[in-house]
Amino acid sequence: MTEQRIVELLGAHADSLVGRPQTVRPVALEPQEREQLAPLFSLAEELKGRMAPVRPAPAFAQSLKRELLEHHALYTTRARRQRRSVVIGAVAAGSVLSIASLVTAIVLVAQRARARSGARIAAL
């Protein structure tokens, strides 16, 4: 039995013990798996019977919520600044490219005009 299979089986058993029907998925146990995991299943059941559910203090929950919201606000602010910097950089690069293209076009037109006028003078 692989470690991943053991984790899957123990997780499904633990979910069924704490009453999370949305996460409990039917898992077929082989007789050998059942025999091998029986001590762990019984230990989990015993622990569930002896342990009382824990609820955090309201002040702790409120403090944690505030800290998480502050962290989220800071993260989104940084992300917005970073996106803005990327957009400004892209706009600047596009502007430089446009100006370089315009200068190149002007130089090419000027060279062609000189070449034509030079050819006309030579023809006379």
N, C-alpha and C. Protein backbone atom coordinates (compact mmCIF):
# COMPACT_ATOMS: atom_id res chain seq x y z
N MET A 1 0.86 -1.16 0.00
CA MET A 1 0.00 0.00 0.00
C MET A 1 0.91 1.23 0.00
N THR A 2 0.62 2.16 -0.90
CA THR A 2 1.45 3.35 -1.02
C THR A 2 1.10 4.36 0.07
N GLU A 3 2.02 5.26 0.29
CA GLU A 3 1.80 6.31 1.30
C GLU A 3 0.61 7.18 0.91
N GLN A 4 0.48 7.45 -0.38
CA GLN A 4 -0.64 8.27 -0.85
C GLN A 4 -1.97 7.58 -0.56
N ARG A 5 -2.03 6.27 -0.75
CA ARG A 5 -3.25 5.52 -0.47
C ARG A 5 -3.57 5.55 1.02
N ILE A 6 -2.55 5.42 1.86
CA ILE A 6 -2.76 5.48 3.31
C ILE A 6 -3.32 6.84 3.70
N VAL A 7 -2.74 7.90 3.16
CA VAL A 7 -3.21 9.26 3.46
C VAL A 7 -4.66 9.42 3.01
N GLU A 8 -4.98 8.93 1.84
CA GLU A 8 -6.35 9.02 1.32
C GLU A 8 -7.34 8.29 2.23
N LEU A 9 -6.99 7.09 2.64
CA LEU A 9 -7.89 6.30 3.49
C LEU A 9 -8.06 6.92 4.88
N LEU A 10 -6.96 7.35 5.48
CA LEU A 10 -7.05 7.98 6.80
C LEU A 10 -7.79 9.32 6.72
N GLY A 11 -7.58 10.06 5.66
CA GLY A 11 -8.29 11.33 5.48
C GLY A 11 -9.79 11.12 5.35
N ALA A 12 -10.18 10.13 4.57
CA ALA A 12 -11.61 9.84 4.41
C ALA A 12 -12.22 9.41 5.74
N HIS A 13 -11.49 8.60 6.50
CA HIS A 13 -12.00 8.15 7.80
C HIS A 13 -12.14 9.34 8.76
N ALA A 14 -11.13 10.21 8.79
CA ALA A 14 -11.17 11.38 9.68
C ALA A 14 -12.32 12.31 9.29
N ASP A 15 -12.52 12.51 8.00
CA ASP A 15 -13.62 13.36 7.55
C ASP A 15 -14.96 12.78 7.98
N SER A 16 -15.10 11.48 7.90
CA SER A 16 -16.37 10.86 8.31
C SER A 16 -16.58 10.99 9.81
N LEU A 17 -15.49 10.99 10.59
CA LEU A 17 -15.62 11.12 12.05
C LEU A 17 -16.06 12.51 12.47
N VAL A 18 -15.58 13.53 11.79
CA VAL A 18 -15.92 14.90 12.19
C VAL A 18 -17.17 15.41 11.50
N GLY A 19 -17.77 14.57 10.68
CA GLY A 19 -19.05 14.93 10.08
C GLY A 19 -18.96 15.89 8.93
N ARG A 20 -18.06 15.66 8.03
CA ARG A 20 -17.96 16.47 6.82
C ARG A 20 -18.44 15.63 5.64
N PRO A 21 -19.74 15.51 5.48
CA PRO A 21 -20.23 14.64 4.41
C PRO A 21 -19.86 15.13 3.01
N GLN A 22 -19.63 16.44 2.85
CA GLN A 22 -19.30 16.93 1.51
C GLN A 22 -17.90 16.49 1.09
N THR A 23 -17.03 16.16 2.07
CA THR A 23 -15.69 15.74 1.70
C THR A 23 -15.52 14.23 1.77
N VAL A 24 -16.49 13.55 2.38
CA VAL A 24 -16.37 12.09 2.49
C VAL A 24 -16.69 11.47 1.14
N ARG A 25 -15.76 10.71 0.67
CA ARG A 25 -15.98 10.01 -0.59
C ARG A 25 -15.89 8.52 -0.28
N PRO A 26 -16.74 7.74 -0.88
CA PRO A 26 -16.69 6.31 -0.59
C PRO A 26 -15.36 5.71 -1.03
N VAL A 27 -14.73 5.03 -0.11
CA VAL A 27 -13.44 4.41 -0.40
C VAL A 27 -13.57 2.92 -0.10
N ALA A 28 -13.27 2.12 -1.08
CA ALA A 28 -13.33 0.67 -0.89
C ALA A 28 -12.01 0.19 -0.28
N LEU A 29 -12.12 -0.47 0.86
CA LEU A 29 -10.94 -0.99 1.55
C LEU A 29 -10.75 -2.46 1.20
N GLU A 30 -9.54 -2.78 0.87
CA GLU A 30 -9.19 -4.19 0.69
C GLU A 30 -9.07 -4.81 2.08
N PRO A 31 -9.30 -6.09 2.23
CA PRO A 31 -9.17 -6.72 3.56
C PRO A 31 -7.79 -6.50 4.18
N GLN A 32 -6.75 -6.55 3.36
CA GLN A 32 -5.40 -6.33 3.88
C GLN A 32 -5.24 -4.89 4.37
N GLU A 33 -5.80 -3.93 3.64
CA GLU A 33 -5.73 -2.52 4.06
C GLU A 33 -6.49 -2.31 5.36
N ARG A 34 -7.67 -2.92 5.45
CA ARG A 34 -8.47 -2.77 6.66
C ARG A 34 -7.71 -3.30 7.87
N GLU A 35 -7.07 -4.45 7.71
CA GLU A 35 -6.31 -5.06 8.80
C GLU A 35 -5.12 -4.19 9.19
N GLN A 36 -4.44 -3.65 8.17
CA GLN A 36 -3.25 -2.84 8.42
C GLN A 36 -3.59 -1.51 9.08
N LEU A 37 -4.73 -0.92 8.70
CA LEU A 37 -5.08 0.41 9.20
C LEU A 37 -6.02 0.38 10.39
N ALA A 38 -6.49 -0.78 10.81
CA ALA A 38 -7.45 -0.88 11.91
C ALA A 38 -6.96 -0.19 13.19
N PRO A 39 -5.69 -0.37 13.58
CA PRO A 39 -5.23 0.32 14.79
C PRO A 39 -5.32 1.85 14.66
N LEU A 40 -5.00 2.37 13.49
CA LEU A 40 -5.07 3.82 13.30
C LEU A 40 -6.52 4.31 13.30
N PHE A 41 -7.41 3.53 12.69
CA PHE A 41 -8.82 3.90 12.70
C PHE A 41 -9.36 3.93 14.12
N SER A 42 -9.02 2.92 14.92
CA SER A 42 -9.53 2.87 16.29
C SER A 42 -8.93 4.00 17.12
N LEU A 43 -7.65 4.32 16.90
CA LEU A 43 -7.03 5.45 17.60
C LEU A 43 -7.73 6.75 17.26
N ALA A 44 -8.05 6.95 15.99
CA ALA A 44 -8.75 8.17 15.57
C ALA A 44 -10.13 8.25 16.22
N GLU A 45 -10.83 7.15 16.30
CA GLU A 45 -12.15 7.13 16.92
C GLU A 45 -12.06 7.42 18.42
N GLU A 46 -11.04 6.85 19.07
CA GLU A 46 -10.85 7.10 20.50
C GLU A 46 -10.53 8.56 20.76
N LEU A 47 -9.65 9.13 19.95
CA LEU A 47 -9.30 10.56 20.10
C LEU A 47 -10.52 11.45 19.89
N LYS A 48 -11.32 11.13 18.91
CA LYS A 48 -12.52 11.92 18.65
C LYS A 48 -13.47 11.88 19.84
N GLY A 49 -13.58 10.73 20.48
CA GLY A 49 -14.45 10.60 21.64
C GLY A 49 -13.94 11.36 22.86
N ARG A 50 -12.63 11.51 22.99
CA ARG A 50 -12.05 12.16 24.17
C ARG A 50 -11.81 13.65 24.01
N MET A 51 -11.70 14.09 22.79
CA MET A 51 -11.36 15.51 22.57
C MET A 51 -12.63 16.34 22.41
N ALA A 52 -12.64 17.46 23.11
CA ALA A 52 -13.77 18.38 23.00
C ALA A 52 -13.50 19.35 21.85
N PRO A 53 -14.54 19.74 21.14
CA PRO A 53 -14.34 20.74 20.07
C PRO A 53 -13.81 22.05 20.65
N VAL A 54 -12.95 22.68 19.92
CA VAL A 54 -12.33 23.93 20.38
C VAL A 54 -12.85 25.08 19.54
N ARG A 55 -13.26 26.12 20.20
CA ARG A 55 -13.69 27.36 19.53
C ARG A 55 -12.73 28.47 19.94
N PRO A 56 -12.22 29.23 18.98
CA PRO A 56 -11.32 30.32 19.36
C PRO A 56 -12.10 31.43 20.07
N ALA A 57 -11.38 32.16 20.89
CA ALA A 57 -11.99 33.29 21.59
C ALA A 57 -12.42 34.33 20.56
N PRO A 58 -13.55 35.00 20.79
CA PRO A 58 -14.02 36.01 19.83
C PRO A 58 -12.97 37.10 19.56
N ALA A 59 -12.23 37.50 20.60
CA ALA A 59 -11.21 38.53 20.40
C ALA A 59 -10.12 38.03 19.45
N PHE A 60 -9.73 36.77 19.61
CA PHE A 60 -8.72 36.20 18.72
C PHE A 60 -9.23 36.15 17.29
N ALA A 61 -10.45 35.68 17.10
CA ALA A 61 -11.03 35.58 15.76
C ALA A 61 -11.10 36.96 15.10
N GLN A 62 -11.51 37.96 15.90
CA GLN A 62 -11.62 39.32 15.37
C GLN A 62 -10.24 39.87 15.01
N SER A 63 -9.26 39.62 15.86
CA SER A 63 -7.90 40.08 15.60
C SER A 63 -7.32 39.42 14.35
N LEU A 64 -7.54 38.12 14.24
CA LEU A 64 -7.05 37.40 13.07
C LEU A 64 -7.70 37.92 11.79
N LYS A 65 -9.00 38.16 11.85
CA LYS A 65 -9.71 38.68 10.69
C LYS A 65 -9.14 40.04 10.27
N ARG A 66 -8.91 40.91 11.27
CA ARG A 66 -8.38 42.24 10.98
C ARG A 66 -6.99 42.14 10.34
N GLU A 67 -6.13 41.26 10.90
CA GLU A 67 -4.79 41.09 10.35
C GLU A 67 -4.83 40.56 8.92
N LEU A 68 -5.70 39.60 8.68
CA LEU A 68 -5.81 39.05 7.33
C LEU A 68 -6.31 40.08 6.33
N LEU A 69 -7.28 40.89 6.75
CA LEU A 69 -7.79 41.93 5.86
C LEU A 69 -6.73 42.99 5.58
N GLU A 70 -5.93 43.34 6.60
CA GLU A 70 -4.85 44.30 6.40
C GLU A 70 -3.81 43.74 5.44
N HIS A 71 -3.47 42.48 5.63
CA HIS A 71 -2.50 41.83 4.75
C HIS A 71 -3.03 41.80 3.32
N HIS A 72 -4.31 41.48 3.18
CA HIS A 72 -4.91 41.44 1.84
C HIS A 72 -4.87 42.82 1.19
N ALA A 73 -5.20 43.85 1.95
CA ALA A 73 -5.19 45.21 1.41
C ALA A 73 -3.78 45.59 0.96
N LEU A 74 -2.79 45.25 1.78
CA LEU A 74 -1.40 45.56 1.44
C LEU A 74 -0.98 44.80 0.18
N TYR A 75 -1.34 43.55 0.11
CA TYR A 75 -1.00 42.72 -1.06
C TYR A 75 -1.65 43.27 -2.32
N THR A 76 -2.93 43.62 -2.26
CA THR A 76 -3.60 44.12 -3.46
C THR A 76 -3.03 45.47 -3.88
N THR A 77 -2.65 46.30 -2.90
CA THR A 77 -2.04 47.58 -3.24
C THR A 77 -0.72 47.37 -3.97
N ARG A 78 0.10 46.45 -3.45
CA ARG A 78 1.37 46.16 -4.11
C ARG A 78 1.15 45.60 -5.51
N ALA A 79 0.18 44.72 -5.63
CA ALA A 79 -0.10 44.11 -6.94
C ALA A 79 -0.56 45.17 -7.93
N ARG A 80 -1.40 46.10 -7.47
CA ARG A 80 -1.87 47.18 -8.35
C ARG A 80 -0.69 48.05 -8.80
N ARG A 81 0.19 48.38 -7.86
CA ARG A 81 1.36 49.21 -8.21
C ARG A 81 2.24 48.49 -9.22
N GLN A 82 2.42 47.20 -9.01
CA GLN A 82 3.25 46.44 -9.92
C GLN A 82 2.63 46.38 -11.31
N ARG A 83 1.31 46.14 -11.37
CA ARG A 83 0.63 46.13 -12.67
C ARG A 83 0.74 47.48 -13.35
N ARG A 84 0.55 48.54 -12.57
CA ARG A 84 0.65 49.89 -13.12
C ARG A 84 2.04 50.14 -13.67
N SER A 85 3.08 49.71 -12.96
CA SER A 85 4.46 49.88 -13.43
C SER A 85 4.68 49.12 -14.73
N VAL A 86 4.14 47.92 -14.82
CA VAL A 86 4.29 47.13 -16.05
C VAL A 86 3.60 47.82 -17.22
N VAL A 87 2.40 48.35 -16.98
CA VAL A 87 1.66 49.03 -18.05
C VAL A 87 2.41 50.30 -18.48
N ILE A 88 2.90 51.06 -17.52
CA ILE A 88 3.64 52.28 -17.86
C ILE A 88 4.90 51.93 -18.64
N GLY A 89 5.59 50.87 -18.22
CA GLY A 89 6.79 50.43 -18.95
C GLY A 89 6.45 50.02 -20.37
N ALA A 90 5.35 49.30 -20.54
CA ALA A 90 4.94 48.86 -21.88
C ALA A 90 4.57 50.05 -22.75
N VAL A 91 3.88 51.02 -22.17
CA VAL A 91 3.52 52.23 -22.92
C VAL A 91 4.78 53.00 -23.32
N ALA A 92 5.73 53.11 -22.40
CA ALA A 92 6.97 53.83 -22.71
C ALA A 92 7.74 53.10 -23.82
N ALA A 93 7.81 51.78 -23.74
CA ALA A 93 8.51 51.02 -24.78
C ALA A 93 7.80 51.18 -26.13
N GLY A 94 6.48 51.17 -26.11
CA GLY A 94 5.73 51.37 -27.35
C GLY A 94 5.95 52.76 -27.92
N SER A 95 6.03 53.76 -27.06
CA SER A 95 6.28 55.13 -27.52
C SER A 95 7.66 55.25 -28.14
N VAL A 96 8.65 54.67 -27.50
CA VAL A 96 10.02 54.72 -28.03
C VAL A 96 10.07 54.03 -29.39
N LEU A 97 9.41 52.88 -29.48
CA LEU A 97 9.37 52.15 -30.75
C LEU A 97 8.68 52.97 -31.84
N SER A 98 7.59 53.63 -31.48
CA SER A 98 6.89 54.47 -32.47
C SER A 98 7.76 55.62 -32.95
N ILE A 99 8.44 56.27 -32.03
CA ILE A 99 9.32 57.40 -32.40
C ILE A 99 10.46 56.90 -33.27
N ALA A 100 11.04 55.73 -32.90
CA ALA A 100 12.13 55.18 -33.70
C ALA A 100 11.64 54.84 -35.10
N SER A 101 10.44 54.32 -35.22
CA SER A 101 9.88 54.00 -36.53
C SER A 101 9.66 55.27 -37.33
N LEU A 102 9.16 56.30 -36.70
CA LEU A 102 8.92 57.57 -37.38
C LEU A 102 10.24 58.18 -37.87
N VAL A 103 11.25 58.17 -37.03
CA VAL A 103 12.56 58.71 -37.42
C VAL A 103 13.13 57.91 -38.58
N THR A 104 13.01 56.57 -38.52
CA THR A 104 13.49 55.72 -39.61
C THR A 104 12.76 56.03 -40.91
N ALA A 105 11.45 56.22 -40.83
CA ALA A 105 10.66 56.54 -42.03
C ALA A 105 11.10 57.88 -42.61
N ILE A 106 11.32 58.87 -41.76
CA ILE A 106 11.75 60.19 -42.24
C ILE A 106 13.12 60.08 -42.92
N VAL A 107 14.04 59.33 -42.31
CA VAL A 107 15.38 59.17 -42.88
C VAL A 107 15.29 58.48 -44.24
N LEU A 108 14.48 57.42 -44.34
CA LEU A 108 14.33 56.71 -45.61
C LEU A 108 13.73 57.61 -46.70
N VAL A 109 12.71 58.38 -46.35
CA VAL A 109 12.09 59.29 -47.32
C VAL A 109 13.10 60.34 -47.75
N ALA A 110 13.87 60.87 -46.83
CA ALA A 110 14.88 61.89 -47.17
C ALA A 110 15.95 61.29 -48.08
N GLN A 111 16.39 60.07 -47.79
CA GLN A 111 17.41 59.43 -48.65
C GLN A 111 16.87 59.20 -50.06
N ARG A 112 15.63 58.74 -50.16
CA ARG A 112 15.05 58.51 -51.49
C ARG A 112 14.90 59.83 -52.25
N ALA A 113 14.50 60.87 -51.53
CA ALA A 113 14.35 62.18 -52.19
C ALA A 113 15.70 62.67 -52.70
N ARG A 114 16.76 62.49 -51.92
CA ARG A 114 18.10 62.90 -52.36
C ARG A 114 18.55 62.06 -53.55
N ALA A 115 18.26 60.77 -53.48
CA ALA A 115 18.67 59.88 -54.58
C ALA A 115 17.95 60.28 -55.87
N ARG A 116 16.68 60.61 -55.79
CA ARG A 116 15.93 61.03 -56.99
C ARG A 116 16.45 62.36 -57.52
N SER A 117 16.67 63.31 -56.62
CA SER A 117 17.15 64.61 -57.09
C SER A 117 18.57 64.49 -57.65
N GLY A 118 19.37 63.60 -57.06
CA GLY A 118 20.72 63.37 -57.59
C GLY A 118 20.67 62.71 -58.97
N ALA A 119 19.72 61.81 -59.16
CA ALA A 119 19.57 61.15 -60.45
C ALA A 119 19.07 62.13 -61.49
N ARG A 120 18.21 63.06 -61.13
CA ARG A 120 17.71 64.04 -62.08
C ARG A 120 18.82 65.00 -62.49
N ILE A 121 19.64 65.41 -61.52
CA ILE A 121 20.75 66.35 -61.82
C ILE A 121 21.74 65.65 -62.73
N ALA A 122 22.01 64.40 -62.50
CA ALA A 122 22.96 63.65 -63.30
C ALA A 122 22.43 63.45 -64.72
N ALA A 123 21.11 63.35 -64.87
CA ALA A 123 20.50 63.12 -66.17
C ALA A 123 20.56 64.42 -67.00
N LEU A 124 20.64 65.54 -66.40
CA LEU A 124 20.68 66.80 -67.14
C LEU A 124 22.06 67.04 -67.61
